[in-house]
């Protein structure tokens, strides 16, 4: 398959090219960037030198030729491309937020009018695989909602309250320099941000509802001085108590057969560079508070790896193709 990556100069674009380099059925033939047209991709992604000789291009949508297109553009920009790519017969996986939420929720959360709205499957395969199969367009989840939802999903229908406390690496802020990812501000430091109103909360609430949960859902993110990874601690409060053995059995049954879910003690280094999500669960004495901890690489399972997982599903390719990366430990 020929692959086009719209907005390939950022972290997620680079990860898409890296992972496609190990995919037996995918070849990246188009990598776009408005600012870097004509520049070698390996200039901005030096880890890819020797794996690609692509140069950035800046084509109009009508000039893009590919079987599958990934939209790795900023939020509110994907809606400018989505319809045109679909009209040209491409399958599309969108890594932005433009099609994750109902139209009214999106406009409220992101503060802009949606100019080309249509419903799309929410690309969290462990929960929505049947909707993803055969779809022409899939909306890739946000990184925080991926780790959070997978941590709580088995118990969400029984929960009265779910509190997500998440720590993310600096790459989550994107490739462009800012006060957030400035070395002096991020290194040897640890901060919370958007304590009660992070825009990814809307996705977490949506997915909890889809799981049949009436729980009150809350979320606070923190910035870790590391490059990659999200560790999410989900505090799940229950009316009816549960034992440790019952909780572990529930998680084993819920994720049975899921290649990318590993039920083991989570650590950021244990999933680095991979599409795995590691989860562990512990029940507090009394059985009414369960702590579930998940870890993902925010650029892989939280973005580009999950996007390729979705591509594989919609194209009828084995789900693990191109994603057999062993995590980098230490």
C-alpha atoms as a PDB file:
ATOM      1  CA  UNK A   1       0.000   0.000   0.000  1.00  0.00           C
ATOM      2  CA  UNK A   2       1.138   3.526  -0.738  1.00  0.00           C
ATOM      3  CA  UNK A   3       0.959   5.752   2.337  1.00  0.00           C
ATOM      4  CA  UNK A   4       0.612   9.529   2.513  1.00  0.00           C
ATOM      5  CA  UNK A   5       1.383  11.340   5.759  1.00  0.00           C
ATOM      6  CA  UNK A   6      -0.159  14.795   5.896  1.00  0.00           C
ATOM      7  CA  UNK A   7       1.895  16.823   8.343  1.00  0.00           C
ATOM      8  CA  UNK A   8       4.936  14.559   8.533  1.00  0.00           C
ATOM      9  CA  UNK A   9       7.493  16.842  10.169  1.00  0.00           C
ATOM     10  CA  UNK A  10       6.265  16.484  13.759  1.00  0.00           C
ATOM     11  CA  UNK A  11       6.853  13.744  16.291  1.00  0.00           C
ATOM     12  CA  UNK A  12       3.834  11.682  15.242  1.00  0.00           C
ATOM     13  CA  UNK A  13       4.726  12.014  11.564  1.00  0.00           C
ATOM     14  CA  UNK A  14       8.227  10.766  12.268  1.00  0.00           C
ATOM     15  CA  UNK A  15       6.878   7.850  14.261  1.00  0.00           C
ATOM     16  CA  UNK A  16       4.518   6.907  11.422  1.00  0.00           C
ATOM     17  CA  UNK A  17       7.454   6.761   8.998  1.00  0.00           C
ATOM     18  CA  UNK A  18       9.578   4.806  11.499  1.00  0.00           C
ATOM     19  CA  UNK A  19       6.901   2.191  12.079  1.00  0.00           C
ATOM     20  CA  UNK A  20       5.947   1.937   8.410  1.00  0.00           C
ATOM     21  CA  UNK A  21       9.604   1.150   7.646  1.00  0.00           C
ATOM     22  CA  UNK A  22       9.036  -2.184   9.370  1.00  0.00           C
ATOM     23  CA  UNK A  23       5.613  -2.835   7.804  1.00  0.00           C
ATOM     24  CA  UNK A  24       5.565  -5.494   5.096  1.00  0.00           C
ATOM     25  CA  UNK A  25       2.550  -4.001   3.280  1.00  0.00           C
ATOM     26  CA  UNK A  26       3.072  -0.247   3.632  1.00  0.00           C
ATOM     27  CA  UNK A  27       5.414   2.178   1.880  1.00  0.00           C
ATOM     28  CA  UNK A  28       5.381   5.875   2.661  1.00  0.00           C
ATOM     29  CA  UNK A  29       5.397   7.645  -0.700  1.00  0.00           C
ATOM     30  CA  UNK A  30       4.234  11.103   0.351  1.00  0.00           C
ATOM     31  CA  UNK A  31       5.306  13.130   3.387  1.00  0.00           C
ATOM     32  CA  UNK A  32       3.942  16.653   3.450  1.00  0.00           C
ATOM     33  CA  UNK A  33       5.069  19.834   5.160  1.00  0.00           C
ATOM     34  CA  UNK A  34       4.169  23.370   4.171  1.00  0.00           C
ATOM     35  CA  UNK A  35       7.281  24.927   5.693  1.00  0.00           C
ATOM     36  CA  UNK A  36       9.807  22.256   4.710  1.00  0.00           C
ATOM     37  CA  UNK A  37       8.865  21.565   1.099  1.00  0.00           C
ATOM     38  CA  UNK A  38      11.910  20.168  -0.719  1.00  0.00           C
ATOM     39  CA  UNK A  39      13.797  19.291   2.468  1.00  0.00           C
ATOM     40  CA  UNK A  40      14.900  15.708   3.092  1.00  0.00           C
ATOM     41  CA  UNK A  41      12.749  14.001   5.701  1.00  0.00           C
ATOM     42  CA  UNK A  42      15.926  12.719   7.366  1.00  0.00           C
ATOM     43  CA  UNK A  43      16.988  16.292   8.114  1.00  0.00           C
ATOM     44  CA  UNK A  44      14.206  16.697  10.681  1.00  0.00           C
ATOM     45  CA  UNK A  45      14.043  12.979  11.558  1.00  0.00           C
ATOM     46  CA  UNK A  46      17.724  11.948  11.547  1.00  0.00           C
ATOM     47  CA  UNK A  47      16.904   8.538  13.016  1.00  0.00           C
ATOM     48  CA  UNK A  48      15.279   7.725   9.658  1.00  0.00           C
ATOM     49  CA  UNK A  49      18.403   8.277   7.546  1.00  0.00           C
ATOM     50  CA  UNK A  50      19.061   5.068   5.658  1.00  0.00           C
ATOM     51  CA  UNK A  51      15.397   4.055   5.933  1.00  0.00           C
ATOM     52  CA  UNK A  52      13.878   6.701   3.678  1.00  0.00           C
ATOM     53  CA  UNK A  53      15.032   9.051   0.939  1.00  0.00           C
ATOM     54  CA  UNK A  54      11.769  10.991   0.894  1.00  0.00           C
ATOM     55  CA  UNK A  55      11.643  14.755   0.672  1.00  0.00           C
ATOM     56  CA  UNK A  56       8.810  16.840   2.058  1.00  0.00           C
ATOM     57  CA  UNK A  57       6.256  17.999  -0.466  1.00  0.00           C
ATOM     58  CA  UNK A  58       3.330  20.422  -0.237  1.00  0.00           C
ATOM     59  CA  UNK A  59       0.698  19.125  -2.667  1.00  0.00           C
ATOM     60  CA  UNK A  60      -2.913  20.157  -2.939  1.00  0.00           C
ATOM     61  CA  UNK A  61      -5.341  17.475  -1.755  1.00  0.00           C
ATOM     62  CA  UNK A  62      -6.361  16.767  -5.356  1.00  0.00           C
ATOM     63  CA  UNK A  63      -2.765  15.884  -6.196  1.00  0.00           C
ATOM     64  CA  UNK A  64      -2.199  13.366  -3.391  1.00  0.00           C
ATOM     65  CA  UNK A  65      -2.032   9.776  -4.599  1.00  0.00           C
ATOM     66  CA  UNK A  66      -2.115   7.026  -1.970  1.00  0.00           C
ATOM     67  CA  UNK A  67      -4.077   4.065  -0.695  1.00  0.00           C
ATOM     68  CA  UNK A  68      -4.074   5.267   2.913  1.00  0.00           C
ATOM     69  CA  UNK A  69      -3.587   8.773   4.294  1.00  0.00           C
ATOM     70  CA  UNK A  70      -2.670   9.655   7.862  1.00  0.00           C
ATOM     71  CA  UNK A  71      -3.674  13.110   9.069  1.00  0.00           C
ATOM     72  CA  UNK A  72      -0.951  14.186  11.498  1.00  0.00           C
ATOM     73  CA  UNK A  73      -1.940  17.840  11.440  1.00  0.00           C
ATOM     74  CA  UNK A  74      -2.982  20.081  14.354  1.00  0.00           C
ATOM     75  CA  UNK A  75      -6.478  20.028  15.796  1.00  0.00           C
ATOM     76  CA  UNK A  76      -8.979  21.991  13.645  1.00  0.00           C
ATOM     77  CA  UNK A  77      -6.778  21.523  10.549  1.00  0.00           C
ATOM     78  CA  UNK A  78      -7.758  17.932   9.734  1.00  0.00           C
ATOM     79  CA  UNK A  79     -11.294  18.952   8.761  1.00  0.00           C
ATOM     80  CA  UNK A  80      -9.758  20.885   5.854  1.00  0.00           C
ATOM     81  CA  UNK A  81      -8.354  17.670   4.372  1.00  0.00           C
ATOM     82  CA  UNK A  82     -10.643  14.825   5.430  1.00  0.00           C
ATOM     83  CA  UNK A  83     -13.419  15.181   2.876  1.00  0.00           C
ATOM     84  CA  UNK A  84     -11.075  15.690  -0.065  1.00  0.00           C
ATOM     85  CA  UNK A  85      -9.011  12.624   0.782  1.00  0.00           C
ATOM     86  CA  UNK A  86     -12.118  10.473   1.098  1.00  0.00           C
ATOM     87  CA  UNK A  87     -13.432  11.750  -2.236  1.00  0.00           C
ATOM     88  CA  UNK A  88     -10.198  10.572  -3.838  1.00  0.00           C
ATOM     89  CA  UNK A  89     -10.873   7.052  -2.581  1.00  0.00           C
ATOM     90  CA  UNK A  90      -8.299   6.892   0.175  1.00  0.00           C
ATOM     91  CA  UNK A  91      -8.748   5.293   3.556  1.00  0.00           C
ATOM     92  CA  UNK A  92      -7.954   7.850   6.236  1.00  0.00           C
ATOM     93  CA  UNK A  93      -6.774   7.671   9.837  1.00  0.00           C
ATOM     94  CA  UNK A  94      -6.947  11.044  11.576  1.00  0.00           C
ATOM     95  CA  UNK A  95      -4.605  11.615  14.516  1.00  0.00           C
ATOM     96  CA  UNK A  96      -6.182  14.974  15.400  1.00  0.00           C
ATOM     97  CA  UNK A  97      -9.235  15.570  17.577  1.00  0.00           C
ATOM     98  CA  UNK A  98     -11.493  16.807  14.779  1.00  0.00           C
ATOM     99  CA  UNK A  99     -13.676  13.707  14.516  1.00  0.00           C
ATOM    100  CA  UNK A 100     -13.358  12.116  17.956  1.00  0.00           C
ATOM    101  CA  UNK A 101     -16.327  13.837  19.570  1.00  0.00           C
ATOM    102  CA  UNK A 102     -19.919  14.666  18.667  1.00  0.00           C
ATOM    103  CA  UNK A 103     -20.079  17.951  16.764  1.00  0.00           C
ATOM    104  CA  UNK A 104     -21.575  20.010  19.566  1.00  0.00           C
ATOM    105  CA  UNK A 105     -19.099  18.654  22.114  1.00  0.00           C
ATOM    106  CA  UNK A 106     -16.145  19.280  19.803  1.00  0.00           C
ATOM    107  CA  UNK A 107     -17.211  22.872  19.169  1.00  0.00           C
ATOM    108  CA  UNK A 108     -17.677  23.508  22.876  1.00  0.00           C
ATOM    109  CA  UNK A 109     -14.361  21.923  23.904  1.00  0.00           C
ATOM    110  CA  UNK A 110     -12.173  23.298  21.099  1.00  0.00           C
ATOM    111  CA  UNK A 111     -13.950  26.630  20.671  1.00  0.00           C
ATOM    112  CA  UNK A 112     -14.263  26.508  16.875  1.00  0.00           C
ATOM    113  CA  UNK A 113     -17.029  25.688  14.423  1.00  0.00           C
ATOM    114  CA  UNK A 114     -16.653  22.331  12.692  1.00  0.00           C
ATOM    115  CA  UNK A 115     -16.850  22.985   8.964  1.00  0.00           C
ATOM    116  CA  UNK A 116     -16.973  19.402   7.625  1.00  0.00           C
ATOM    117  CA  UNK A 117     -18.432  17.159  10.290  1.00  0.00           C
ATOM    118  CA  UNK A 118     -19.322  13.500   9.856  1.00  0.00           C
ATOM    119  CA  UNK A 119     -19.425  10.592  12.281  1.00  0.00           C
ATOM    120  CA  UNK A 120     -16.383   8.335  12.392  1.00  0.00           C
ATOM    121  CA  UNK A 121     -15.435   5.238  14.403  1.00  0.00           C
ATOM    122  CA  UNK A 122     -13.394   6.043  17.503  1.00  0.00           C
ATOM    123  CA  UNK A 123     -10.167   4.168  16.931  1.00  0.00           C
ATOM    124  CA  UNK A 124      -9.569   2.425  20.234  1.00  0.00           C
ATOM    125  CA  UNK A 125      -9.369  -1.140  18.852  1.00  0.00           C
ATOM    126  CA  UNK A 126      -9.666  -2.947  22.167  1.00  0.00           C
ATOM    127  CA  UNK A 127     -13.132  -1.423  22.586  1.00  0.00           C
ATOM    128  CA  UNK A 128     -14.341  -0.617  19.049  1.00  0.00           C
ATOM    129  CA  UNK A 129     -12.743  -3.144  16.735  1.00  0.00           C
ATOM    130  CA  UNK A 130     -15.997  -4.121  15.003  1.00  0.00           C
ATOM    131  CA  UNK A 131     -16.812  -0.498  14.130  1.00  0.00           C
ATOM    132  CA  UNK A 132     -13.278   0.028  12.788  1.00  0.00           C
ATOM    133  CA  UNK A 133     -13.294  -2.999  10.483  1.00  0.00           C
ATOM    134  CA  UNK A 134     -13.872  -1.935   6.886  1.00  0.00           C
ATOM    135  CA  UNK A 135     -14.280   1.752   7.771  1.00  0.00           C
ATOM    136  CA  UNK A 136     -13.083   4.366   5.298  1.00  0.00           C
ATOM    137  CA  UNK A 137     -12.214   6.877   8.015  1.00  0.00           C
ATOM    138  CA  UNK A 138     -11.128   6.305  11.620  1.00  0.00           C
ATOM    139  CA  UNK A 139     -10.543   8.930  14.300  1.00  0.00           C
ATOM    140  CA  UNK A 140      -7.519   8.046  16.402  1.00  0.00           C
ATOM    141  CA  UNK A 141      -8.006   8.662  20.150  1.00  0.00           C
ATOM    142  CA  UNK A 142      -6.016  11.130  22.173  1.00  0.00           C
ATOM    143  CA  UNK A 143      -2.997   9.869  24.083  1.00  0.00           C
ATOM    144  CA  UNK A 144      -4.379  10.575  27.569  1.00  0.00           C
ATOM    145  CA  UNK A 145      -7.804   8.998  26.834  1.00  0.00           C
ATOM    146  CA  UNK A 146      -6.105   5.874  25.459  1.00  0.00           C
ATOM    147  CA  UNK A 147      -4.141   5.136  28.620  1.00  0.00           C
ATOM    148  CA  UNK A 148      -6.954   6.239  30.923  1.00  0.00           C
ATOM    149  CA  UNK A 149      -9.808   4.381  29.245  1.00  0.00           C
ATOM    150  CA  UNK A 150      -7.850   1.140  28.945  1.00  0.00           C
ATOM    151  CA  UNK A 151      -6.944   1.351  32.640  1.00  0.00           C
ATOM    152  CA  UNK A 152     -10.543   1.666  33.812  1.00  0.00           C
ATOM    153  CA  UNK A 153     -12.605  -0.050  31.111  1.00  0.00           C
ATOM    154  CA  UNK A 154     -13.193  -3.429  32.778  1.00  0.00           C
ATOM    155  CA  UNK A 155     -14.542  -1.784  35.950  1.00  0.00           C
ATOM    156  CA  UNK A 156     -16.135   1.325  34.438  1.00  0.00           C
ATOM    157  CA  UNK A 157     -19.700  -0.109  34.325  1.00  0.00           C
ATOM    158  CA  UNK A 158     -19.526  -0.767  38.089  1.00  0.00           C
ATOM    159  CA  UNK A 159     -17.956   2.572  39.059  1.00  0.00           C
ATOM    160  CA  UNK A 160     -19.590   5.533  40.764  1.00  0.00           C
ATOM    161  CA  UNK A 161     -16.542   7.787  40.356  1.00  0.00           C
ATOM    162  CA  UNK A 162     -13.403   7.544  38.225  1.00  0.00           C
ATOM    163  CA  UNK A 163     -10.492   9.871  38.880  1.00  0.00           C
ATOM    164  CA  UNK A 164      -7.636   9.823  36.382  1.00  0.00           C
ATOM    165  CA  UNK A 165      -4.251  11.141  37.507  1.00  0.00           C
ATOM    166  CA  UNK A 166      -1.832  11.048  34.556  1.00  0.00           C
ATOM    167  CA  UNK A 167       1.829  11.896  34.027  1.00  0.00           C
ATOM    168  CA  UNK A 168       3.140  12.524  30.517  1.00  0.00           C
ATOM    169  CA  UNK A 169       6.493  12.981  28.852  1.00  0.00           C
ATOM    170  CA  UNK A 170       7.471  16.280  27.235  1.00  0.00           C
ATOM    171  CA  UNK A 171       6.964  15.005  23.668  1.00  0.00           C
ATOM    172  CA  UNK A 172       3.232  15.254  24.317  1.00  0.00           C
ATOM    173  CA  UNK A 173       3.606  19.031  23.933  1.00  0.00           C
ATOM    174  CA  UNK A 174       4.629  18.601  20.297  1.00  0.00           C
ATOM    175  CA  UNK A 175       7.747  19.359  18.296  1.00  0.00           C
ATOM    176  CA  UNK A 176       7.516  23.168  18.299  1.00  0.00           C
ATOM    177  CA  UNK A 177       9.506  24.959  21.016  1.00  0.00           C
ATOM    178  CA  UNK A 178       7.505  26.553  23.806  1.00  0.00           C
ATOM    179  CA  UNK A 179       7.743  27.434  27.483  1.00  0.00           C
ATOM    180  CA  UNK A 180       6.280  24.016  28.258  1.00  0.00           C
ATOM    181  CA  UNK A 181       9.020  22.004  26.580  1.00  0.00           C
ATOM    182  CA  UNK A 182      11.882  24.428  27.221  1.00  0.00           C
ATOM    183  CA  UNK A 183      14.671  22.395  28.853  1.00  0.00           C
ATOM    184  CA  UNK A 184      15.024  24.698  31.846  1.00  0.00           C
ATOM    185  CA  UNK A 185      11.311  24.517  32.598  1.00  0.00           C
ATOM    186  CA  UNK A 186      10.838  20.786  32.070  1.00  0.00           C
ATOM    187  CA  UNK A 187      14.088  19.277  33.337  1.00  0.00           C
ATOM    188  CA  UNK A 188      14.372  18.403  37.032  1.00  0.00           C
ATOM    189  CA  UNK A 189      10.807  19.622  37.531  1.00  0.00           C
ATOM    190  CA  UNK A 190       7.289  18.212  37.931  1.00  0.00           C
ATOM    191  CA  UNK A 191       4.099  20.202  37.421  1.00  0.00           C
ATOM    192  CA  UNK A 192       0.351  19.795  37.074  1.00  0.00           C
ATOM    193  CA  UNK A 193      -1.525  21.682  34.375  1.00  0.00           C
ATOM    194  CA  UNK A 194      -5.129  22.225  33.292  1.00  0.00           C
ATOM    195  CA  UNK A 195      -6.062  20.683  36.622  1.00  0.00           C
ATOM    196  CA  UNK A 196      -9.802  20.338  36.047  1.00  0.00           C
ATOM    197  CA  UNK A 197     -10.486  21.283  32.415  1.00  0.00           C
ATOM    198  CA  UNK A 198      -8.143  19.445  30.056  1.00  0.00           C
ATOM    199  CA  UNK A 199      -9.871  18.963  26.693  1.00  0.00           C
ATOM    200  CA  UNK A 200      -9.147  15.205  26.669  1.00  0.00           C
ATOM    201  CA  UNK A 201     -11.590  14.825  29.557  1.00  0.00           C
ATOM    202  CA  UNK A 202     -14.444  14.938  27.035  1.00  0.00           C
ATOM    203  CA  UNK A 203     -13.145  11.772  25.371  1.00  0.00           C
ATOM    204  CA  UNK A 204     -12.754  10.017  28.711  1.00  0.00           C
ATOM    205  CA  UNK A 205     -16.339  10.840  29.664  1.00  0.00           C
ATOM    206  CA  UNK A 206     -17.583   9.717  26.236  1.00  0.00           C
ATOM    207  CA  UNK A 207     -15.862   6.356  26.473  1.00  0.00           C
ATOM    208  CA  UNK A 208     -16.994   5.738  30.046  1.00  0.00           C
ATOM    209  CA  UNK A 209     -20.573   6.366  28.909  1.00  0.00           C
ATOM    210  CA  UNK A 210     -20.166   4.014  25.956  1.00  0.00           C
ATOM    211  CA  UNK A 211     -19.017   1.331  28.385  1.00  0.00           C
ATOM    212  CA  UNK A 212     -22.330   1.711  30.198  1.00  0.00           C
ATOM    213  CA  UNK A 213     -20.887   3.689  33.073  1.00  0.00           C
ATOM    214  CA  UNK A 214     -22.815   6.390  34.931  1.00  0.00           C
ATOM    215  CA  UNK A 215     -19.673   7.329  36.873  1.00  0.00           C
ATOM    216  CA  UNK A 216     -18.526  10.853  37.502  1.00  0.00           C
ATOM    217  CA  UNK A 217     -15.233  11.172  35.581  1.00  0.00           C
ATOM    218  CA  UNK A 218     -12.382  13.526  36.539  1.00  0.00           C
ATOM    219  CA  UNK A 219      -8.869  14.089  35.167  1.00  0.00           C
ATOM    220  CA  UNK A 220      -5.702  15.969  36.086  1.00  0.00           C
ATOM    221  CA  UNK A 221      -2.534  15.734  33.935  1.00  0.00           C
ATOM    222  CA  UNK A 222       1.060  16.324  35.013  1.00  0.00           C
ATOM    223  CA  UNK A 223       4.247  16.950  33.041  1.00  0.00           C
ATOM    224  CA  UNK A 224       7.142  14.570  33.688  1.00  0.00           C
ATOM    225  CA  UNK A 225      10.732  15.490  32.735  1.00  0.00           C
ATOM    226  CA  UNK A 226      11.047  12.511  30.377  1.00  0.00           C
ATOM    227  CA  UNK A 227      10.804  12.310  26.586  1.00  0.00           C
ATOM    228  CA  UNK A 228       8.131   9.656  26.175  1.00  0.00           C
ATOM    229  CA  UNK A 229       5.367   7.885  27.990  1.00  0.00           C
ATOM    230  CA  UNK A 230       2.167   8.332  29.947  1.00  0.00           C
ATOM    231  CA  UNK A 231       1.534   6.711  33.309  1.00  0.00           C
ATOM    232  CA  UNK A 232      -2.108   6.922  34.351  1.00  0.00           C
ATOM    233  CA  UNK A 233      -3.404   6.099  37.808  1.00  0.00           C
ATOM    234  CA  UNK A 234      -7.150   5.469  37.738  1.00  0.00           C
ATOM    235  CA  UNK A 235      -8.899   5.670  41.100  1.00  0.00           C
ATOM    236  CA  UNK A 236     -12.112   3.709  40.588  1.00  0.00           C
ATOM    237  CA  UNK A 237     -14.745   3.983  43.324  1.00  0.00           C
ATOM    238  CA  UNK A 238     -17.425   1.297  43.626  1.00  0.00           C
ATOM    239  CA  UNK A 239     -20.658   0.900  45.566  1.00  0.00           C
ATOM    240  CA  UNK A 240     -20.344  -2.869  45.626  1.00  0.00           C
ATOM    241  CA  UNK A 241     -17.020  -4.152  46.962  1.00  0.00           C
ATOM    242  CA  UNK A 242     -14.716  -6.375  44.940  1.00  0.00           C
ATOM    243  CA  UNK A 243     -11.813  -8.606  45.965  1.00  0.00           C
ATOM    244  CA  UNK A 244      -8.304  -8.557  44.539  1.00  0.00           C
ATOM    245  CA  UNK A 245      -8.862 -11.959  42.951  1.00  0.00           C
ATOM    246  CA  UNK A 246     -12.136 -10.841  41.361  1.00  0.00           C
ATOM    247  CA  UNK A 247     -10.580  -7.668  39.972  1.00  0.00           C
ATOM    248  CA  UNK A 248      -7.636  -9.508  38.439  1.00  0.00           C
ATOM    249  CA  UNK A 249      -9.940 -12.127  36.936  1.00  0.00           C
ATOM    250  CA  UNK A 250     -12.152  -9.383  35.477  1.00  0.00           C
ATOM    251  CA  UNK A 251      -9.196  -7.717  33.767  1.00  0.00           C
ATOM    252  CA  UNK A 252      -7.872 -11.027  32.426  1.00  0.00           C
ATOM    253  CA  UNK A 253     -11.262 -11.870  30.948  1.00  0.00           C
ATOM    254  CA  UNK A 254     -11.879  -8.391  29.524  1.00  0.00           C
ATOM    255  CA  UNK A 255      -8.523  -8.262  27.734  1.00  0.00           C
ATOM    256  CA  UNK A 256      -8.249 -11.929  26.787  1.00  0.00           C
ATOM    257  CA  UNK A 257      -6.694 -12.225  23.333  1.00  0.00           C
ATOM    258  CA  UNK A 258      -5.645  -8.561  23.154  1.00  0.00           C
ATOM    259  CA  UNK A 259      -2.063  -8.649  21.914  1.00  0.00           C
ATOM    260  CA  UNK A 260      -1.201  -5.091  22.904  1.00  0.00           C
ATOM    261  CA  UNK A 261      -2.563  -5.289  26.449  1.00  0.00           C
ATOM    262  CA  UNK A 262      -0.190  -6.825  28.977  1.00  0.00           C
ATOM    263  CA  UNK A 263      -1.332  -7.322  32.555  1.00  0.00           C
ATOM    264  CA  UNK A 264       1.892  -6.786  34.450  1.00  0.00           C
ATOM    265  CA  UNK A 265       3.510  -4.179  36.712  1.00  0.00           C
ATOM    266  CA  UNK A 266       3.655  -1.005  34.595  1.00  0.00           C
ATOM    267  CA  UNK A 267       6.679   1.206  34.017  1.00  0.00           C
ATOM    268  CA  UNK A 268       7.307   3.821  31.352  1.00  0.00           C
ATOM    269  CA  UNK A 269      10.526   2.169  30.202  1.00  0.00           C
ATOM    270  CA  UNK A 270       8.721  -1.144  29.844  1.00  0.00           C
ATOM    271  CA  UNK A 271       6.675   0.120  26.874  1.00  0.00           C
ATOM    272  CA  UNK A 272       9.032   2.725  25.387  1.00  0.00           C
ATOM    273  CA  UNK A 273       8.956   2.729  21.588  1.00  0.00           C
ATOM    274  CA  UNK A 274       6.218   0.085  21.434  1.00  0.00           C
ATOM    275  CA  UNK A 275       2.467  -0.190  20.941  1.00  0.00           C
ATOM    276  CA  UNK A 276       1.900  -2.016  24.227  1.00  0.00           C
ATOM    277  CA  UNK A 277      -0.261  -0.878  27.118  1.00  0.00           C
ATOM    278  CA  UNK A 278       0.738  -2.451  30.432  1.00  0.00           C
ATOM    279  CA  UNK A 279      -1.868  -2.477  33.194  1.00  0.00           C
ATOM    280  CA  UNK A 280      -1.962  -3.597  36.815  1.00  0.00           C
ATOM    281  CA  UNK A 281      -4.769  -3.366  39.342  1.00  0.00           C
ATOM    282  CA  UNK A 282      -4.861  -3.302  43.139  1.00  0.00           C
ATOM    283  CA  UNK A 283      -7.907  -3.300  45.420  1.00  0.00           C
ATOM    284  CA  UNK A 284      -7.862  -1.214  48.567  1.00  0.00           C
ATOM    285  CA  UNK A 285      -8.900  -2.829  51.836  1.00  0.00           C
ATOM    286  CA  UNK A 286     -12.682  -2.865  51.969  1.00  0.00           C
ATOM    287  CA  UNK A 287     -12.983  -3.428  48.229  1.00  0.00           C
ATOM    288  CA  UNK A 288     -14.688  -0.161  47.263  1.00  0.00           C
ATOM    289  CA  UNK A 289     -11.642   1.618  45.839  1.00  0.00           C
ATOM    290  CA  UNK A 290      -9.636   0.049  43.049  1.00  0.00           C
ATOM    291  CA  UNK A 291      -6.419   1.545  41.734  1.00  0.00           C
ATOM    292  CA  UNK A 292      -5.619   0.638  38.126  1.00  0.00           C
ATOM    293  CA  UNK A 293      -2.329   1.856  36.654  1.00  0.00           C
ATOM    294  CA  UNK A 294      -1.555   1.870  32.932  1.00  0.00           C
ATOM    295  CA  UNK A 295       1.473   2.900  30.900  1.00  0.00           C
ATOM    296  CA  UNK A 296       1.753   3.638  27.181  1.00  0.00           C
ATOM    297  CA  UNK A 297       4.246   5.335  24.906  1.00  0.00           C
ATOM    298  CA  UNK A 298       2.345   8.521  24.084  1.00  0.00           C
ATOM    299  CA  UNK A 299       3.806   8.665  20.567  1.00  0.00           C
ATOM    300  CA  UNK A 300       3.080   5.020  19.732  1.00  0.00           C
ATOM    301  CA  UNK A 301       0.019   3.470  21.422  1.00  0.00           C
ATOM    302  CA  UNK A 302      -1.007   7.051  22.214  1.00  0.00           C
ATOM    303  CA  UNK A 303      -0.728   8.191  18.587  1.00  0.00           C
ATOM    304  CA  UNK A 304       1.155   6.733  15.610  1.00  0.00           C
ATOM    305  CA  UNK A 305       1.271   3.078  16.632  1.00  0.00           C
ATOM    306  CA  UNK A 306      -2.437   3.006  17.338  1.00  0.00           C
ATOM    307  CA  UNK A 307      -2.998   4.758  14.001  1.00  0.00           C
ATOM    308  CA  UNK A 308      -1.148   1.943  12.221  1.00  0.00           C
ATOM    309  CA  UNK A 309      -3.081  -0.607  14.284  1.00  0.00           C
ATOM    310  CA  UNK A 310      -6.264   1.040  13.003  1.00  0.00           C
ATOM    311  CA  UNK A 311      -4.973   1.046   9.428  1.00  0.00           C
ATOM    312  CA  UNK A 312      -4.263  -2.657   9.687  1.00  0.00           C
ATOM    313  CA  UNK A 313      -7.790  -3.347  10.915  1.00  0.00           C
ATOM    314  CA  UNK A 314      -9.580  -1.298   8.253  1.00  0.00           C
ATOM    315  CA  UNK A 315      -7.410  -2.828   5.521  1.00  0.00           C
ATOM    316  CA  UNK A 316      -7.805  -6.417   6.709  1.00  0.00           C
ATOM    317  CA  UNK A 317      -4.101  -6.784   7.543  1.00  0.00           C
ATOM    318  CA  UNK A 318      -2.939  -8.666  10.665  1.00  0.00           C
ATOM    319  CA  UNK A 319      -3.323  -6.182  13.475  1.00  0.00           C
ATOM    320  CA  UNK A 320       0.237  -6.522  14.701  1.00  0.00           C
ATOM    321  CA  UNK A 321       1.904  -5.891  11.323  1.00  0.00           C
ATOM    322  CA  UNK A 322       4.553  -3.181  11.574  1.00  0.00           C
ATOM    323  CA  UNK A 323       4.111  -3.035  15.324  1.00  0.00           C
ATOM    324  CA  UNK A 324       6.410  -5.832  16.462  1.00  0.00           C
ATOM    325  CA  UNK A 325       8.779  -3.389  18.141  1.00  0.00           C
ATOM    326  CA  UNK A 326      10.276  -4.721  21.350  1.00  0.00           C
ATOM    327  CA  UNK A 327      10.163  -2.002  24.041  1.00  0.00           C
ATOM    328  CA  UNK A 328      13.464  -0.247  24.759  1.00  0.00           C
ATOM    329  CA  UNK A 329      14.557  -1.222  28.290  1.00  0.00           C
ATOM    330  CA  UNK A 330      16.486   0.288  29.942  1.00  0.00           C
END
